């Protein structure tokens, strides 16, 4: 199986709803951080890679037709080159609303982890945010920089910017599939996020 869709947006930009939407549209399974958290083999593979091991995408993404959220969103430049036919989606929300959601969920979850080898600690905290994940201005600058880079580097015809609330129509048009007769997925609130991490563990 080869990737058909690559997500470039940071976590907490509607990535879990997008994961579910892509599955409903026939572009699943879709890789997401929840796959790393809930699958011991995925966790082992990603931890090894983030620690400096080889980037064997055929192994890391074995069995997946799409990917959104971290950890894959950290490598979107590499992935869009390796999979040139894949459509690209930038899930987006305003920087301020992203920080509000991020600080109540991912930031809180990673900050309370005592496992330095976790993908959250090793990749998100140390590599993406330079060890300054709790610095609001720094995090917002990196969020904006990622958005700007995606807009500048991904050809417009290949890219969809999917904003919170956009729903099915632009996504289905981008992927060339009919709009399904069901509501667009919506979930993964802060409470649901913490309940899931508590139930399934951490990355």
C-alpha atoms as a PDB file:
ATOM      1  CA  UNK A   1       0.000   0.000   0.000  1.00  0.00           C
ATOM      2  CA  UNK A   2       1.266   3.467  -0.855  1.00  0.00           C
ATOM      3  CA  UNK A   3       0.323   6.764   0.736  1.00  0.00           C
ATOM      4  CA  UNK A   4      -2.502   8.581  -1.023  1.00  0.00           C
ATOM      5  CA  UNK A   5      -2.880  11.489   1.416  1.00  0.00           C
ATOM      6  CA  UNK A   6      -0.264  13.336   3.491  1.00  0.00           C
ATOM      7  CA  UNK A   7      -1.214  15.697   6.301  1.00  0.00           C
ATOM      8  CA  UNK A   8       1.094  18.592   7.140  1.00  0.00           C
ATOM      9  CA  UNK A   9      -0.745  20.293  10.004  1.00  0.00           C
ATOM     10  CA  UNK A  10       0.300  20.317  13.643  1.00  0.00           C
ATOM     11  CA  UNK A  11      -1.595  18.217  16.154  1.00  0.00           C
ATOM     12  CA  UNK A  12      -4.806  19.848  17.459  1.00  0.00           C
ATOM     13  CA  UNK A  13      -5.800  21.308  14.089  1.00  0.00           C
ATOM     14  CA  UNK A  14      -8.597  18.838  13.500  1.00  0.00           C
ATOM     15  CA  UNK A  15      -6.281  15.965  12.658  1.00  0.00           C
ATOM     16  CA  UNK A  16      -8.268  13.276  14.460  1.00  0.00           C
ATOM     17  CA  UNK A  17     -11.476  14.315  12.711  1.00  0.00           C
ATOM     18  CA  UNK A  18      -9.536  14.279   9.443  1.00  0.00           C
ATOM     19  CA  UNK A  19      -8.226  10.809  10.247  1.00  0.00           C
ATOM     20  CA  UNK A  20     -11.759   9.569  10.711  1.00  0.00           C
ATOM     21  CA  UNK A  21     -13.019  11.424   7.624  1.00  0.00           C
ATOM     22  CA  UNK A  22     -10.326   9.924   5.404  1.00  0.00           C
ATOM     23  CA  UNK A  23     -11.230   6.451   6.630  1.00  0.00           C
ATOM     24  CA  UNK A  24     -14.888   7.024   5.816  1.00  0.00           C
ATOM     25  CA  UNK A  25     -13.928   8.198   2.317  1.00  0.00           C
ATOM     26  CA  UNK A  26     -11.873   5.085   1.595  1.00  0.00           C
ATOM     27  CA  UNK A  27      -8.422   6.537   2.314  1.00  0.00           C
ATOM     28  CA  UNK A  28      -7.722   4.457   5.384  1.00  0.00           C
ATOM     29  CA  UNK A  29      -6.193   3.188   7.449  1.00  0.00           C
ATOM     30  CA  UNK A  30      -4.854   6.636   8.320  1.00  0.00           C
ATOM     31  CA  UNK A  31      -1.754   7.012  10.461  1.00  0.00           C
ATOM     32  CA  UNK A  32      -2.041   9.359  13.472  1.00  0.00           C
ATOM     33  CA  UNK A  33      -0.293   9.681  16.830  1.00  0.00           C
ATOM     34  CA  UNK A  34      -3.020   7.483  18.290  1.00  0.00           C
ATOM     35  CA  UNK A  35      -1.623   4.652  16.148  1.00  0.00           C
ATOM     36  CA  UNK A  36       1.740   5.053  17.863  1.00  0.00           C
ATOM     37  CA  UNK A  37       0.146   5.209  21.292  1.00  0.00           C
ATOM     38  CA  UNK A  38      -2.089   2.185  20.787  1.00  0.00           C
ATOM     39  CA  UNK A  39       0.129  -0.143  18.752  1.00  0.00           C
ATOM     40  CA  UNK A  40       3.262  -1.579  20.450  1.00  0.00           C
ATOM     41  CA  UNK A  41       4.940  -2.336  17.110  1.00  0.00           C
ATOM     42  CA  UNK A  42       4.305   1.188  15.848  1.00  0.00           C
ATOM     43  CA  UNK A  43       5.591   2.612  19.109  1.00  0.00           C
ATOM     44  CA  UNK A  44       8.815   0.594  18.890  1.00  0.00           C
ATOM     45  CA  UNK A  45       9.431   1.520  15.251  1.00  0.00           C
ATOM     46  CA  UNK A  46       8.857   5.237  15.766  1.00  0.00           C
ATOM     47  CA  UNK A  47      10.864   5.420  18.965  1.00  0.00           C
ATOM     48  CA  UNK A  48      13.796   3.793  17.206  1.00  0.00           C
ATOM     49  CA  UNK A  49      13.601   6.186  14.265  1.00  0.00           C
ATOM     50  CA  UNK A  50      13.184   9.316  16.376  1.00  0.00           C
ATOM     51  CA  UNK A  51      16.192   8.228  18.455  1.00  0.00           C
ATOM     52  CA  UNK A  52      18.341   8.319  15.320  1.00  0.00           C
ATOM     53  CA  UNK A  53      17.538   5.093  13.521  1.00  0.00           C
ATOM     54  CA  UNK A  54      16.978   4.847   9.768  1.00  0.00           C
ATOM     55  CA  UNK A  55      13.872   6.366   8.205  1.00  0.00           C
ATOM     56  CA  UNK A  56      12.358   3.293   6.641  1.00  0.00           C
ATOM     57  CA  UNK A  57       9.021   4.696   5.551  1.00  0.00           C
ATOM     58  CA  UNK A  58       7.853   1.423   4.029  1.00  0.00           C
ATOM     59  CA  UNK A  59       8.121  -0.089   7.504  1.00  0.00           C
ATOM     60  CA  UNK A  60       6.960   2.931   9.530  1.00  0.00           C
ATOM     61  CA  UNK A  61       3.867   3.392   7.360  1.00  0.00           C
ATOM     62  CA  UNK A  62       3.254  -0.230   6.441  1.00  0.00           C
ATOM     63  CA  UNK A  63      -0.437  -0.806   5.821  1.00  0.00           C
ATOM     64  CA  UNK A  64      -1.469   2.865   5.846  1.00  0.00           C
ATOM     65  CA  UNK A  65      -3.040   4.763   2.960  1.00  0.00           C
ATOM     66  CA  UNK A  66      -2.881   8.190   4.594  1.00  0.00           C
ATOM     67  CA  UNK A  67      -1.148  10.016   7.428  1.00  0.00           C
ATOM     68  CA  UNK A  68      -2.061  13.065   9.480  1.00  0.00           C
ATOM     69  CA  UNK A  69      -0.912  14.569  12.787  1.00  0.00           C
ATOM     70  CA  UNK A  70       2.450  14.007  14.408  1.00  0.00           C
ATOM     71  CA  UNK A  71       4.712  12.156  14.122  1.00  0.00           C
ATOM     72  CA  UNK A  72       4.416  12.059  10.305  1.00  0.00           C
ATOM     73  CA  UNK A  73       3.589  15.780  10.029  1.00  0.00           C
ATOM     74  CA  UNK A  74       7.122  16.516  11.227  1.00  0.00           C
ATOM     75  CA  UNK A  75       8.451  14.869   8.049  1.00  0.00           C
ATOM     76  CA  UNK A  76       6.029  16.204   5.446  1.00  0.00           C
ATOM     77  CA  UNK A  77       8.774  17.622   3.207  1.00  0.00           C
ATOM     78  CA  UNK A  78      10.379  14.204   2.902  1.00  0.00           C
ATOM     79  CA  UNK A  79       7.085  12.377   2.492  1.00  0.00           C
ATOM     80  CA  UNK A  80       5.729  14.560  -0.303  1.00  0.00           C
ATOM     81  CA  UNK A  81       8.925  13.863  -2.257  1.00  0.00           C
ATOM     82  CA  UNK A  82       8.805  10.121  -1.667  1.00  0.00           C
ATOM     83  CA  UNK A  83       5.100   9.897  -2.531  1.00  0.00           C
ATOM     84  CA  UNK A  84       4.695  12.425  -5.374  1.00  0.00           C
ATOM     85  CA  UNK A  85       1.187  11.249  -6.305  1.00  0.00           C
ATOM     86  CA  UNK A  86      -0.218  11.740  -2.810  1.00  0.00           C
ATOM     87  CA  UNK A  87      -2.602  14.608  -2.161  1.00  0.00           C
ATOM     88  CA  UNK A  88      -1.542  17.012   0.593  1.00  0.00           C
ATOM     89  CA  UNK A  89      -3.801  18.473   3.290  1.00  0.00           C
ATOM     90  CA  UNK A  90      -2.940  21.271   5.683  1.00  0.00           C
ATOM     91  CA  UNK A  91      -5.390  21.126   8.578  1.00  0.00           C
ATOM     92  CA  UNK A  92      -5.603  24.671   9.924  1.00  0.00           C
ATOM     93  CA  UNK A  93      -7.072  26.773  12.696  1.00  0.00           C
ATOM     94  CA  UNK A  94      -6.116  30.220  13.925  1.00  0.00           C
ATOM     95  CA  UNK A  95      -2.794  30.217  15.767  1.00  0.00           C
ATOM     96  CA  UNK A  96      -4.372  31.480  18.970  1.00  0.00           C
ATOM     97  CA  UNK A  97      -7.097  28.822  19.025  1.00  0.00           C
ATOM     98  CA  UNK A  98      -4.464  26.189  18.201  1.00  0.00           C
ATOM     99  CA  UNK A  99      -2.372  27.229  21.204  1.00  0.00           C
ATOM    100  CA  UNK A 100      -5.395  27.173  23.476  1.00  0.00           C
ATOM    101  CA  UNK A 101      -6.189  23.597  22.432  1.00  0.00           C
ATOM    102  CA  UNK A 102      -2.566  22.439  22.309  1.00  0.00           C
ATOM    103  CA  UNK A 103      -1.719  23.812  25.754  1.00  0.00           C
ATOM    104  CA  UNK A 104      -4.665  21.984  27.349  1.00  0.00           C
ATOM    105  CA  UNK A 105      -3.930  18.641  25.715  1.00  0.00           C
ATOM    106  CA  UNK A 106      -0.636  17.721  24.044  1.00  0.00           C
ATOM    107  CA  UNK A 107       1.487  20.146  26.040  1.00  0.00           C
ATOM    108  CA  UNK A 108      -0.048  19.008  29.313  1.00  0.00           C
ATOM    109  CA  UNK A 109       0.255  15.346  28.382  1.00  0.00           C
ATOM    110  CA  UNK A 110       3.897  15.504  27.322  1.00  0.00           C
ATOM    111  CA  UNK A 111       4.930  17.761  30.201  1.00  0.00           C
ATOM    112  CA  UNK A 112       3.679  15.242  32.743  1.00  0.00           C
ATOM    113  CA  UNK A 113       5.397  12.291  31.061  1.00  0.00           C
ATOM    114  CA  UNK A 114       8.509  10.908  32.759  1.00  0.00           C
ATOM    115  CA  UNK A 115       9.544   8.801  29.747  1.00  0.00           C
ATOM    116  CA  UNK A 116      12.323  10.638  27.842  1.00  0.00           C
ATOM    117  CA  UNK A 117      12.226   8.056  25.023  1.00  0.00           C
ATOM    118  CA  UNK A 118       8.575   8.687  24.172  1.00  0.00           C
ATOM    119  CA  UNK A 119       7.839  10.101  20.737  1.00  0.00           C
ATOM    120  CA  UNK A 120       6.132  13.019  22.452  1.00  0.00           C
ATOM    121  CA  UNK A 121       9.243  13.915  24.421  1.00  0.00           C
ATOM    122  CA  UNK A 122      11.885  13.008  21.841  1.00  0.00           C
ATOM    123  CA  UNK A 123      10.183  14.403  18.740  1.00  0.00           C
ATOM    124  CA  UNK A 124       7.524  16.952  19.664  1.00  0.00           C
ATOM    125  CA  UNK A 125       9.096  18.540  22.726  1.00  0.00           C
ATOM    126  CA  UNK A 126      12.791  18.376  21.874  1.00  0.00           C
ATOM    127  CA  UNK A 127      12.954  18.398  18.073  1.00  0.00           C
ATOM    128  CA  UNK A 128       9.884  20.291  16.884  1.00  0.00           C
ATOM    129  CA  UNK A 129       9.742  22.830  19.712  1.00  0.00           C
ATOM    130  CA  UNK A 130      13.466  22.943  20.536  1.00  0.00           C
ATOM    131  CA  UNK A 131      12.802  22.036  24.165  1.00  0.00           C
ATOM    132  CA  UNK A 132      10.629  25.156  24.559  1.00  0.00           C
ATOM    133  CA  UNK A 133       7.215  23.622  24.059  1.00  0.00           C
ATOM    134  CA  UNK A 134       5.671  25.624  26.893  1.00  0.00           C
ATOM    135  CA  UNK A 135       6.896  28.972  25.550  1.00  0.00           C
ATOM    136  CA  UNK A 136       3.720  30.358  23.979  1.00  0.00           C
ATOM    137  CA  UNK A 137       5.377  32.894  21.666  1.00  0.00           C
ATOM    138  CA  UNK A 138       7.974  30.384  20.495  1.00  0.00           C
ATOM    139  CA  UNK A 139       5.343  27.710  19.851  1.00  0.00           C
ATOM    140  CA  UNK A 140       3.110  30.127  17.960  1.00  0.00           C
ATOM    141  CA  UNK A 141       6.034  31.256  15.807  1.00  0.00           C
ATOM    142  CA  UNK A 142       6.792  27.653  14.879  1.00  0.00           C
ATOM    143  CA  UNK A 143       3.130  26.969  14.145  1.00  0.00           C
ATOM    144  CA  UNK A 144       2.969  29.954  11.797  1.00  0.00           C
ATOM    145  CA  UNK A 145       6.299  29.014  10.191  1.00  0.00           C
ATOM    146  CA  UNK A 146       5.030  25.517   9.406  1.00  0.00           C
ATOM    147  CA  UNK A 147       1.876  26.911   7.789  1.00  0.00           C
ATOM    148  CA  UNK A 148       3.905  29.375   5.730  1.00  0.00           C
ATOM    149  CA  UNK A 149       6.328  26.657   4.614  1.00  0.00           C
ATOM    150  CA  UNK A 150       3.551  24.343   3.475  1.00  0.00           C
ATOM    151  CA  UNK A 151       1.864  27.143   1.521  1.00  0.00           C
ATOM    152  CA  UNK A 152       5.164  28.107  -0.094  1.00  0.00           C
ATOM    153  CA  UNK A 153       6.494  24.654  -0.908  1.00  0.00           C
ATOM    154  CA  UNK A 154       3.505  22.493  -1.855  1.00  0.00           C
ATOM    155  CA  UNK A 155       2.082  23.191  -5.332  1.00  0.00           C
ATOM    156  CA  UNK A 156      -1.412  24.738  -5.024  1.00  0.00           C
ATOM    157  CA  UNK A 157      -3.041  22.045  -7.153  1.00  0.00           C
ATOM    158  CA  UNK A 158      -1.756  19.375  -4.815  1.00  0.00           C
ATOM    159  CA  UNK A 159      -2.649  21.150  -1.564  1.00  0.00           C
ATOM    160  CA  UNK A 160      -5.901  21.621   0.324  1.00  0.00           C
ATOM    161  CA  UNK A 161      -6.013  23.977   3.300  1.00  0.00           C
ATOM    162  CA  UNK A 162      -8.778  22.478   5.420  1.00  0.00           C
ATOM    163  CA  UNK A 163      -9.962  24.812   8.150  1.00  0.00           C
ATOM    164  CA  UNK A 164     -11.940  23.747  11.190  1.00  0.00           C
ATOM    165  CA  UNK A 165     -15.570  23.730  10.168  1.00  0.00           C
ATOM    166  CA  UNK A 166     -14.958  23.319   6.424  1.00  0.00           C
ATOM    167  CA  UNK A 167     -16.610  19.903   6.431  1.00  0.00           C
ATOM    168  CA  UNK A 168     -16.909  17.450   3.576  1.00  0.00           C
ATOM    169  CA  UNK A 169     -17.258  19.558   0.428  1.00  0.00           C
ATOM    170  CA  UNK A 170     -13.706  20.907  -0.062  1.00  0.00           C
ATOM    171  CA  UNK A 171     -12.133  17.657   1.143  1.00  0.00           C
ATOM    172  CA  UNK A 172     -14.172  15.493  -1.226  1.00  0.00           C
ATOM    173  CA  UNK A 173     -13.522  17.860  -4.132  1.00  0.00           C
ATOM    174  CA  UNK A 174      -9.784  17.693  -3.433  1.00  0.00           C
ATOM    175  CA  UNK A 175      -9.792  13.906  -3.311  1.00  0.00           C
ATOM    176  CA  UNK A 176     -12.220  13.442  -6.200  1.00  0.00           C
ATOM    177  CA  UNK A 177     -14.829  11.476  -4.285  1.00  0.00           C
ATOM    178  CA  UNK A 178     -18.553  12.024  -3.608  1.00  0.00           C
ATOM    179  CA  UNK A 179     -19.722  13.797  -0.472  1.00  0.00           C
ATOM    180  CA  UNK A 180     -21.083  11.139   1.929  1.00  0.00           C
ATOM    181  CA  UNK A 181     -24.541  11.368   3.400  1.00  0.00           C
ATOM    182  CA  UNK A 182     -23.413  11.754   6.999  1.00  0.00           C
ATOM    183  CA  UNK A 183     -22.075  14.527   9.221  1.00  0.00           C
ATOM    184  CA  UNK A 184     -18.397  15.357   9.044  1.00  0.00           C
ATOM    185  CA  UNK A 185     -16.621  13.777  12.045  1.00  0.00           C
ATOM    186  CA  UNK A 186     -16.143  15.936  15.090  1.00  0.00           C
ATOM    187  CA  UNK A 187     -14.571  14.826  18.336  1.00  0.00           C
ATOM    188  CA  UNK A 188     -11.325  14.484  20.277  1.00  0.00           C
ATOM    189  CA  UNK A 189     -12.164  17.217  22.762  1.00  0.00           C
ATOM    190  CA  UNK A 190      -9.659  17.937  25.520  1.00  0.00           C
ATOM    191  CA  UNK A 191     -11.557  15.616  27.854  1.00  0.00           C
ATOM    192  CA  UNK A 192     -11.636  12.842  25.232  1.00  0.00           C
ATOM    193  CA  UNK A 193      -7.933  13.366  24.519  1.00  0.00           C
ATOM    194  CA  UNK A 194      -6.930  12.900  28.155  1.00  0.00           C
ATOM    195  CA  UNK A 195      -9.280   9.946  28.617  1.00  0.00           C
ATOM    196  CA  UNK A 196      -7.783   8.209  25.604  1.00  0.00           C
ATOM    197  CA  UNK A 197      -4.196   8.798  26.728  1.00  0.00           C
ATOM    198  CA  UNK A 198      -5.106   7.555  30.197  1.00  0.00           C
ATOM    199  CA  UNK A 199      -6.666   4.428  28.695  1.00  0.00           C
ATOM    200  CA  UNK A 200      -4.126   3.622  25.974  1.00  0.00           C
ATOM    201  CA  UNK A 201      -0.917   5.041  27.432  1.00  0.00           C
ATOM    202  CA  UNK A 202       1.581   7.379  25.826  1.00  0.00           C
ATOM    203  CA  UNK A 203       3.762   7.368  22.741  1.00  0.00           C
END
